[in-house]
């Protein structure tokens, strides 16, 4: 009997399990936001805290206590960002 392959998790479940972790959110305009992922809903709207905004060149522009990003503006989300790029995380 062949072993059954496990079904891969849905992207939403993976993102939902990343709540409480440091993530990078890149929006369509090229700006990036690094901070704690507080909440994500099923339309990909994101609530972040202790967030830093970076320009296209990677220069920090502003810091936000709480930030809400509309899901339709998001290009991608990088999870576990605090482990991937700890030098860019200054929470």
PDB file of N, CA and C in Angstrom:
ATOM      1  N   UNK A   1       0.835  -1.171   0.000  1.00  0.00           N
ATOM      2  CA  UNK A   1       0.000   0.000   0.000  1.00  0.00           C
ATOM      3  C   UNK A   1       0.891   1.249   0.000  1.00  0.00           C
ATOM      4  N   UNK A   2       0.642   2.132  -0.912  1.00  0.00           N
ATOM      5  CA  UNK A   2       1.444   3.348  -1.040  1.00  0.00           C
ATOM      6  C   UNK A   2       1.089   4.327   0.076  1.00  0.00           C
ATOM      7  N   UNK A   3       2.095   5.040   0.538  1.00  0.00           N
ATOM      8  CA  UNK A   3       1.865   6.050   1.571  1.00  0.00           C
ATOM      9  C   UNK A   3       1.136   7.236   0.961  1.00  0.00           C
ATOM     10  N   UNK A   4       0.205   7.778   1.711  1.00  0.00           N
ATOM     11  CA  UNK A   4      -0.539   8.948   1.234  1.00  0.00           C
ATOM     12  C   UNK A   4       0.263  10.214   1.506  1.00  0.00           C
ATOM     13  N   UNK A   5       0.265  11.066   0.546  1.00  0.00           N
ATOM     14  CA  UNK A   5       0.943  12.346   0.707  1.00  0.00           C
ATOM     15  C   UNK A   5       0.053  13.283   1.506  1.00  0.00           C
ATOM     16  N   UNK A   6       0.657  14.034   2.375  1.00  0.00           N
ATOM     17  CA  UNK A   6      -0.094  15.009   3.158  1.00  0.00           C
ATOM     18  C   UNK A   6      -0.512  16.165   2.259  1.00  0.00           C
ATOM     19  N   UNK A   7      -1.723  16.642   2.471  1.00  0.00           N
ATOM     20  CA  UNK A   7      -2.187  17.804   1.710  1.00  0.00           C
ATOM     21  C   UNK A   7      -1.429  19.039   2.158  1.00  0.00           C
ATOM     22  N   UNK A   8      -0.978  19.837   1.227  1.00  0.00           N
ATOM     23  CA  UNK A   8      -0.286  21.069   1.618  1.00  0.00           C
ATOM     24  C   UNK A   8      -1.272  22.040   2.270  1.00  0.00           C
ATOM     25  N   UNK A   9      -0.758  22.842   3.189  1.00  0.00           N
ATOM     26  CA  UNK A   9      -1.591  23.847   3.842  1.00  0.00           C
ATOM     27  C   UNK A   9      -1.944  24.946   2.851  1.00  0.00           C
ATOM     28  N   UNK A  10      -3.093  25.552   3.058  1.00  0.00           N
ATOM     29  CA  UNK A  10      -3.476  26.673   2.209  1.00  0.00           C
ATOM     30  C   UNK A  10      -2.632  27.891   2.584  1.00  0.00           C
ATOM     31  N   UNK A  11      -2.391  28.793   1.638  1.00  0.00           N
ATOM     32  CA  UNK A  11      -1.617  30.004   1.949  1.00  0.00           C
ATOM     33  C   UNK A  11      -2.231  30.809   3.094  1.00  0.00           C
ATOM     34  N   UNK A  12      -3.569  30.859   3.146  1.00  0.00           N
ATOM     35  CA  UNK A  12      -4.218  31.620   4.216  1.00  0.00           C
ATOM     36  C   UNK A  12      -3.906  31.004   5.580  1.00  0.00           C
ATOM     37  N   UNK A  13      -3.921  29.681   5.680  1.00  0.00           N
ATOM     38  CA  UNK A  13      -3.623  29.030   6.961  1.00  0.00           C
ATOM     39  C   UNK A  13      -2.178  29.287   7.377  1.00  0.00           C
ATOM     40  N   UNK A  14      -1.282  29.288   6.413  1.00  0.00           N
ATOM     41  CA  UNK A  14       0.124  29.571   6.719  1.00  0.00           C
ATOM     42  C   UNK A  14       0.268  31.001   7.231  1.00  0.00           C
ATOM     43  N   UNK A  15      -0.384  31.951   6.558  1.00  0.00           N
ATOM     44  CA  UNK A  15      -0.318  33.344   7.002  1.00  0.00           C
ATOM     45  C   UNK A  15      -0.989  33.516   8.357  1.00  0.00           C
ATOM     46  N   UNK A  16      -2.119  32.868   8.558  1.00  0.00           N
ATOM     47  CA  UNK A  16      -2.842  32.963   9.828  1.00  0.00           C
ATOM     48  C   UNK A  16      -1.975  32.428  10.969  1.00  0.00           C
ATOM     49  N   UNK A  17      -1.219  31.367  10.708  1.00  0.00           N
ATOM     50  CA  UNK A  17      -0.346  30.809  11.749  1.00  0.00           C
ATOM     51  C   UNK A  17       0.860  31.713  12.020  1.00  0.00           C
ATOM     52  N   UNK A  18       1.091  32.699  11.163  1.00  0.00           N
ATOM     53  CA  UNK A  18       2.202  33.634  11.343  1.00  0.00           C
ATOM     54  C   UNK A  18       1.811  34.850  12.172  1.00  0.00           C
ATOM     55  N   UNK A  19       0.556  34.933  12.586  1.00  0.00           N
ATOM     56  CA  UNK A  19       0.151  36.038  13.453  1.00  0.00           C
ATOM     57  C   UNK A  19       0.992  36.003  14.723  1.00  0.00           C
ATOM     58  N   UNK A  20       1.464  37.171  15.134  1.00  0.00           N
ATOM     59  CA  UNK A  20       2.332  37.265  16.299  1.00  0.00           C
ATOM     60  C   UNK A  20       3.812  37.202  15.954  1.00  0.00           C
ATOM     61  N   UNK A  21       4.131  36.973  14.688  1.00  0.00           N
ATOM     62  CA  UNK A  21       5.525  36.906  14.246  1.00  0.00           C
ATOM     63  C   UNK A  21       5.892  38.156  13.449  1.00  0.00           C
ATOM     64  N   UNK A  22       7.182  38.357  13.255  1.00  0.00           N
ATOM     65  CA  UNK A  22       7.662  39.482  12.456  1.00  0.00           C
ATOM     66  C   UNK A  22       7.611  39.089  10.986  1.00  0.00           C
ATOM     67  N   UNK A  23       6.994  39.953  10.176  1.00  0.00           N
ATOM     68  CA  UNK A  23       6.842  39.694   8.744  1.00  0.00           C
ATOM     69  C   UNK A  23       7.263  40.923   7.954  1.00  0.00           C
ATOM     70  N   UNK A  24       7.492  40.723   6.666  1.00  0.00           N
ATOM     71  CA  UNK A  24       7.707  41.811   5.723  1.00  0.00           C
ATOM     72  C   UNK A  24       6.526  41.812   4.773  1.00  0.00           C
ATOM     73  N   UNK A  25       5.908  42.973   4.587  1.00  0.00           N
ATOM     74  CA  UNK A  25       4.815  43.125   3.629  1.00  0.00           C
ATOM     75  C   UNK A  25       5.270  44.120   2.575  1.00  0.00           C
ATOM     76  N   UNK A  26       5.285  43.699   1.312  1.00  0.00           N
ATOM     77  CA  UNK A  26       5.639  44.599   0.211  1.00  0.00           C
ATOM     78  C   UNK A  26       4.355  44.960  -0.511  1.00  0.00           C
ATOM     79  N   UNK A  27       4.157  46.271  -0.727  1.00  0.00           N
ATOM     80  CA  UNK A  27       2.954  46.712  -1.427  1.00  0.00           C
ATOM     81  C   UNK A  27       3.299  47.059  -2.874  1.00  0.00           C
ATOM     82  N   UNK A  28       2.272  47.229  -3.675  1.00  0.00           N
ATOM     83  CA  UNK A  28       2.453  47.421  -5.117  1.00  0.00           C
ATOM     84  C   UNK A  28       3.282  48.644  -5.473  1.00  0.00           C
ATOM     85  N   UNK A  29       3.297  49.669  -4.646  1.00  0.00           N
ATOM     86  CA  UNK A  29       4.092  50.858  -4.925  1.00  0.00           C
ATOM     87  C   UNK A  29       5.578  50.666  -4.691  1.00  0.00           C
ATOM     88  N   UNK A  30       5.974  49.503  -4.156  1.00  0.00           N
ATOM     89  CA  UNK A  30       7.379  49.224  -3.926  1.00  0.00           C
ATOM     90  C   UNK A  30       7.824  49.399  -2.487  1.00  0.00           C
ATOM     91  N   UNK A  31       6.996  50.036  -1.661  1.00  0.00           N
ATOM     92  CA  UNK A  31       7.358  50.215  -0.265  1.00  0.00           C
ATOM     93  C   UNK A  31       7.232  48.894   0.484  1.00  0.00           C
ATOM     94  N   UNK A  32       8.057  48.747   1.529  1.00  0.00           N
ATOM     95  CA  UNK A  32       8.034  47.546   2.355  1.00  0.00           C
ATOM     96  C   UNK A  32       7.775  47.942   3.798  1.00  0.00           C
ATOM     97  N   UNK A  33       7.079  47.079   4.507  1.00  0.00           N
ATOM     98  CA  UNK A  33       6.768  47.284   5.914  1.00  0.00           C
ATOM     99  C   UNK A  33       7.217  46.055   6.685  1.00  0.00           C
ATOM    100  N   UNK A  34       8.022  46.272   7.718  1.00  0.00           N
ATOM    101  CA  UNK A  34       8.499  45.182   8.566  1.00  0.00           C
ATOM    102  C   UNK A  34       7.956  45.429   9.965  1.00  0.00           C
ATOM    103  N   UNK A  35       7.277  44.429  10.502  1.00  0.00           N
ATOM    104  CA  UNK A  35       6.723  44.570  11.842  1.00  0.00           C
ATOM    105  C   UNK A  35       6.012  43.313  12.277  1.00  0.00           C
ATOM    106  N   UNK A  36       5.363  43.410  13.416  1.00  0.00           N
ATOM    107  CA  UNK A  36       4.650  42.282  13.992  1.00  0.00           C
ATOM    108  C   UNK A  36       3.285  42.137  13.316  1.00  0.00           C
ATOM    109  N   UNK A  37       2.988  40.950  12.823  1.00  0.00           N
ATOM    110  CA  UNK A  37       1.693  40.672  12.194  1.00  0.00           C
ATOM    111  C   UNK A  37       0.676  40.401  13.291  1.00  0.00           C
ATOM    112  N   UNK A  38      -0.238  41.346  13.499  1.00  0.00           N
ATOM    113  CA  UNK A  38      -1.257  41.188  14.535  1.00  0.00           C
ATOM    114  C   UNK A  38      -2.457  40.410  14.029  1.00  0.00           C
ATOM    115  N   UNK A  39      -2.874  40.688  12.789  1.00  0.00           N
ATOM    116  CA  UNK A  39      -4.100  40.080  12.278  1.00  0.00           C
ATOM    117  C   UNK A  39      -4.089  40.083  10.759  1.00  0.00           C
ATOM    118  N   UNK A  40      -4.635  39.024  10.177  1.00  0.00           N
ATOM    119  CA  UNK A  40      -4.856  38.960   8.734  1.00  0.00           C
ATOM    120  C   UNK A  40      -6.231  38.353   8.525  1.00  0.00           C
ATOM    121  N   UNK A  41      -7.007  38.927   7.598  1.00  0.00           N
ATOM    122  CA  UNK A  41      -8.339  38.374   7.353  1.00  0.00           C
ATOM    123  C   UNK A  41      -8.378  37.665   6.005  1.00  0.00           C
ATOM    124  N   UNK A  42      -9.542  37.118   5.658  1.00  0.00           N
ATOM    125  CA  UNK A  42      -9.631  36.302   4.441  1.00  0.00           C
ATOM    126  C   UNK A  42      -9.546  37.113   3.153  1.00  0.00           C
ATOM    127  N   UNK A  43      -9.569  38.442   3.223  1.00  0.00           N
ATOM    128  CA  UNK A  43      -9.336  39.269   2.034  1.00  0.00           C
ATOM    129  C   UNK A  43      -7.912  39.834   2.032  1.00  0.00           C
ATOM    130  N   UNK A  44      -7.066  39.297   2.902  1.00  0.00           N
ATOM    131  CA  UNK A  44      -5.645  39.636   3.011  1.00  0.00           C
ATOM    132  C   UNK A  44      -5.388  41.033   3.577  1.00  0.00           C
ATOM    133  N   UNK A  45      -6.403  41.673   4.177  1.00  0.00           N
ATOM    134  CA  UNK A  45      -6.143  42.900   4.909  1.00  0.00           C
ATOM    135  C   UNK A  45      -5.250  42.544   6.087  1.00  0.00           C
ATOM    136  N   UNK A  46      -4.272  43.400   6.370  1.00  0.00           N
ATOM    137  CA  UNK A  46      -3.258  43.105   7.376  1.00  0.00           C
ATOM    138  C   UNK A  46      -3.242  44.207   8.424  1.00  0.00           C
ATOM    139  N   UNK A  47      -3.153  43.816   9.688  1.00  0.00           N
ATOM    140  CA  UNK A  47      -2.923  44.748  10.788  1.00  0.00           C
ATOM    141  C   UNK A  47      -1.559  44.412  11.365  1.00  0.00           C
ATOM    142  N   UNK A  48      -0.697  45.432  11.427  1.00  0.00           N
ATOM    143  CA  UNK A  48       0.662  45.250  11.945  1.00  0.00           C
ATOM    144  C   UNK A  48       0.908  46.234  13.080  1.00  0.00           C
ATOM    145  N   UNK A  49       1.848  45.892  13.964  1.00  0.00           N
ATOM    146  CA  UNK A  49       2.254  46.809  15.026  1.00  0.00           C
ATOM    147  C   UNK A  49       3.776  46.895  15.060  1.00  0.00           C
ATOM    148  N   UNK A  50       4.277  47.963  15.708  1.00  0.00           N
ATOM    149  CA  UNK A  50       5.727  48.204  15.791  1.00  0.00           C
ATOM    150  C   UNK A  50       6.373  48.037  14.420  1.00  0.00           C
ATOM    151  N   UNK A  51       5.883  48.818  13.486  1.00  0.00           N
ATOM    152  CA  UNK A  51       6.183  48.623  12.073  1.00  0.00           C
ATOM    153  C   UNK A  51       7.113  49.724  11.553  1.00  0.00           C
ATOM    154  N   UNK A  52       8.056  49.340  10.691  1.00  0.00           N
ATOM    155  CA  UNK A  52       8.946  50.291  10.030  1.00  0.00           C
ATOM    156  C   UNK A  52       8.679  50.257   8.536  1.00  0.00           C
ATOM    157  N   UNK A  53       8.568  51.447   7.934  1.00  0.00           N
ATOM    158  CA  UNK A  53       8.356  51.566   6.488  1.00  0.00           C
ATOM    159  C   UNK A  53       9.703  51.801   5.812  1.00  0.00           C
ATOM    160  N   UNK A  54       9.940  51.075   4.707  1.00  0.00           N
ATOM    161  CA  UNK A  54      11.182  51.207   3.937  1.00  0.00           C
ATOM    162  C   UNK A  54      10.863  51.622   2.506  1.00  0.00           C
ATOM    163  N   UNK A  55      11.745  52.442   1.921  1.00  0.00           N
ATOM    164  CA  UNK A  55      11.589  52.844   0.527  1.00  0.00           C
ATOM    165  C   UNK A  55      11.997  51.701  -0.387  1.00  0.00           C
ATOM    166  N   UNK A  56      11.864  51.941  -1.692  1.00  0.00           N
ATOM    167  CA  UNK A  56      12.292  50.953  -2.688  1.00  0.00           C
ATOM    168  C   UNK A  56      13.787  50.664  -2.573  1.00  0.00           C
ATOM    169  N   UNK A  57      14.542  51.652  -2.084  1.00  0.00           N
ATOM    170  CA  UNK A  57      15.994  51.513  -1.925  1.00  0.00           C
ATOM    171  C   UNK A  57      16.384  50.860  -0.605  1.00  0.00           C
ATOM    172  N   UNK A  58      15.408  50.528   0.223  1.00  0.00           N
ATOM    173  CA  UNK A  58      15.681  49.883   1.503  1.00  0.00           C
ATOM    174  C   UNK A  58      15.996  50.833   2.639  1.00  0.00           C
ATOM    175  N   UNK A  59      15.734  52.129   2.446  1.00  0.00           N
ATOM    176  CA  UNK A  59      16.002  53.110   3.494  1.00  0.00           C
ATOM    177  C   UNK A  59      14.767  53.264   4.380  1.00  0.00           C
ATOM    178  N   UNK A  60      14.955  53.261   5.715  1.00  0.00           N
ATOM    179  CA  UNK A  60      13.800  53.444   6.599  1.00  0.00           C
ATOM    180  C   UNK A  60      13.245  54.861   6.472  1.00  0.00           C
ATOM    181  N   UNK A  61      11.919  54.951   6.406  1.00  0.00           N
ATOM    182  CA  UNK A  61      11.258  56.241   6.225  1.00  0.00           C
ATOM    183  C   UNK A  61      10.497  56.651   7.472  1.00  0.00           C
ATOM    184  N   UNK A  62       9.731  55.726   8.042  1.00  0.00           N
ATOM    185  CA  UNK A  62       8.867  56.060   9.175  1.00  0.00           C
ATOM    186  C   UNK A  62       8.636  54.829  10.035  1.00  0.00           C
ATOM    187  N   UNK A  63       8.209  55.100  11.287  1.00  0.00           N
ATOM    188  CA  UNK A  63       7.819  54.019  12.194  1.00  0.00           C
ATOM    189  C   UNK A  63       6.366  54.235  12.590  1.00  0.00           C
ATOM    190  N   UNK A  64       5.638  53.132  12.702  1.00  0.00           N
ATOM    191  CA  UNK A  64       4.226  53.183  13.048  1.00  0.00           C
ATOM    192  C   UNK A  64       3.957  52.267  14.233  1.00  0.00           C
ATOM    193  N   UNK A  65       3.096  52.724  15.142  1.00  0.00           N
ATOM    194  CA  UNK A  65       2.672  51.872  16.246  1.00  0.00           C
ATOM    195  C   UNK A  65       1.709  50.809  15.758  1.00  0.00           C
ATOM    196  N   UNK A  66       0.688  51.226  15.011  1.00  0.00           N
ATOM    197  CA  UNK A  66      -0.296  50.324  14.396  1.00  0.00           C
ATOM    198  C   UNK A  66      -0.453  50.728  12.946  1.00  0.00           C
ATOM    199  N   UNK A  67      -0.589  49.736  12.082  1.00  0.00           N
ATOM    200  CA  UNK A  67      -0.715  49.996  10.655  1.00  0.00           C
ATOM    201  C   UNK A  67      -1.690  48.999  10.060  1.00  0.00           C
ATOM    202  N   UNK A  68      -2.588  49.480   9.221  1.00  0.00           N
ATOM    203  CA  UNK A  68      -3.523  48.613   8.502  1.00  0.00           C
ATOM    204  C   UNK A  68      -3.230  48.756   7.018  1.00  0.00           C
ATOM    205  N   UNK A  69      -3.019  47.631   6.345  1.00  0.00           N
ATOM    206  CA  UNK A  69      -2.754  47.630   4.903  1.00  0.00           C
ATOM    207  C   UNK A  69      -3.867  46.859   4.223  1.00  0.00           C
ATOM    208  N   UNK A  70      -4.478  47.487   3.241  1.00  0.00           N
ATOM    209  CA  UNK A  70      -5.553  46.842   2.489  1.00  0.00           C
ATOM    210  C   UNK A  70      -4.989  45.693   1.648  1.00  0.00           C
ATOM    211  N   UNK A  71      -5.671  44.574   1.666  1.00  0.00           N
ATOM    212  CA  UNK A  71      -5.199  43.375   0.986  1.00  0.00           C
ATOM    213  C   UNK A  71      -4.961  43.548  -0.500  1.00  0.00           C
ATOM    214  N   UNK A  72      -5.773  44.368  -1.169  1.00  0.00           N
ATOM    215  CA  UNK A  72      -5.626  44.546  -2.617  1.00  0.00           C
ATOM    216  C   UNK A  72      -4.357  45.312  -2.988  1.00  0.00           C
ATOM    217  N   UNK A  73      -3.698  45.943  -2.006  1.00  0.00           N
ATOM    218  CA  UNK A  73      -2.457  46.684  -2.264  1.00  0.00           C
ATOM    219  C   UNK A  73      -1.211  45.836  -2.031  1.00  0.00           C
ATOM    220  N   UNK A  74      -1.378  44.638  -1.475  1.00  0.00           N
ATOM    221  CA  UNK A  74      -0.229  43.812  -1.108  1.00  0.00           C
ATOM    222  C   UNK A  74       0.284  43.028  -2.309  1.00  0.00           C
ATOM    223  N   UNK A  75       1.590  43.112  -2.517  1.00  0.00           N
ATOM    224  CA  UNK A  75       2.250  42.337  -3.568  1.00  0.00           C
ATOM    225  C   UNK A  75       2.661  40.971  -3.022  1.00  0.00           C
ATOM    226  N   UNK A  76       3.317  40.961  -1.846  1.00  0.00           N
ATOM    227  CA  UNK A  76       3.641  39.688  -1.198  1.00  0.00           C
ATOM    228  C   UNK A  76       3.912  39.903   0.287  1.00  0.00           C
ATOM    229  N   UNK A  77       3.897  38.792   1.031  1.00  0.00           N
ATOM    230  CA  UNK A  77       4.200  38.787   2.461  1.00  0.00           C
ATOM    231  C   UNK A  77       5.285  37.744   2.702  1.00  0.00           C
ATOM    232  N   UNK A  78       6.346  38.150   3.382  1.00  0.00           N
ATOM    233  CA  UNK A  78       7.418  37.229   3.755  1.00  0.00           C
ATOM    234  C   UNK A  78       7.281  36.929   5.246  1.00  0.00           C
ATOM    235  N   UNK A  79       7.062  35.656   5.578  1.00  0.00           N
ATOM    236  CA  UNK A  79       6.880  35.280   6.981  1.00  0.00           C
ATOM    237  C   UNK A  79       8.220  34.917   7.607  1.00  0.00           C
ATOM    238  N   UNK A  80       8.250  34.836   8.939  1.00  0.00           N
ATOM    239  CA  UNK A  80       9.475  34.537   9.698  1.00  0.00           C
ATOM    240  C   UNK A  80      10.599  35.508   9.351  1.00  0.00           C
ATOM    241  N   UNK A  81      10.252  36.748   9.093  1.00  0.00           N
ATOM    242  CA  UNK A  81      11.246  37.713   8.632  1.00  0.00           C
ATOM    243  C   UNK A  81      12.281  38.045   9.700  1.00  0.00           C
ATOM    244  N   UNK A  82      11.903  37.944  10.952  1.00  0.00           N
ATOM    245  CA  UNK A  82      12.858  38.191  12.030  1.00  0.00           C
ATOM    246  C   UNK A  82      13.995  37.187  12.041  1.00  0.00           C
ATOM    247  N   UNK A  83      13.744  35.983  11.536  1.00  0.00           N
ATOM    248  CA  UNK A  83      14.783  34.957  11.455  1.00  0.00           C
ATOM    249  C   UNK A  83      15.561  35.063  10.148  1.00  0.00           C
ATOM    250  N   UNK A  84      14.885  35.480   9.084  1.00  0.00           N
ATOM    251  CA  UNK A  84      15.511  35.554   7.765  1.00  0.00           C
ATOM    252  C   UNK A  84      16.447  36.750   7.658  1.00  0.00           C
ATOM    253  N   UNK A  85      16.005  37.901   8.146  1.00  0.00           N
ATOM    254  CA  UNK A  85      16.799  39.132   8.027  1.00  0.00           C
ATOM    255  C   UNK A  85      16.814  39.886   9.355  1.00  0.00           C
ATOM    256  N   UNK A  86      17.457  39.326  10.378  1.00  0.00           N
ATOM    257  CA  UNK A  86      17.429  39.977  11.696  1.00  0.00           C
ATOM    258  C   UNK A  86      18.072  41.366  11.711  1.00  0.00           C
ATOM    259  N   UNK A  87      18.980  41.639  10.777  1.00  0.00           N
ATOM    260  CA  UNK A  87      19.625  42.960  10.742  1.00  0.00           C
ATOM    261  C   UNK A  87      18.653  44.063  10.347  1.00  0.00           C
ATOM    262  N   UNK A  88      17.539  43.718   9.703  1.00  0.00           N
ATOM    263  CA  UNK A  88      16.562  44.709   9.268  1.00  0.00           C
ATOM    264  C   UNK A  88      15.451  44.899  10.298  1.00  0.00           C
ATOM    265  N   UNK A  89      15.459  44.093  11.343  1.00  0.00           N
ATOM    266  CA  UNK A  89      14.407  44.148  12.357  1.00  0.00           C
ATOM    267  C   UNK A  89      14.917  44.931  13.551  1.00  0.00           C
ATOM    268  N   UNK A  90      14.224  46.020  13.868  1.00  0.00           N
ATOM    269  CA  UNK A  90      14.626  46.851  15.007  1.00  0.00           C
ATOM    270  C   UNK A  90      13.423  47.137  15.889  1.00  0.00           C
ATOM    271  N   UNK A  91      12.748  46.085  16.322  1.00  0.00           N
ATOM    272  CA  UNK A  91      11.539  46.278  17.131  1.00  0.00           C
ATOM    273  C   UNK A  91      11.867  46.516  18.556  1.00  0.00           C
TER     274      UNK A  91
END
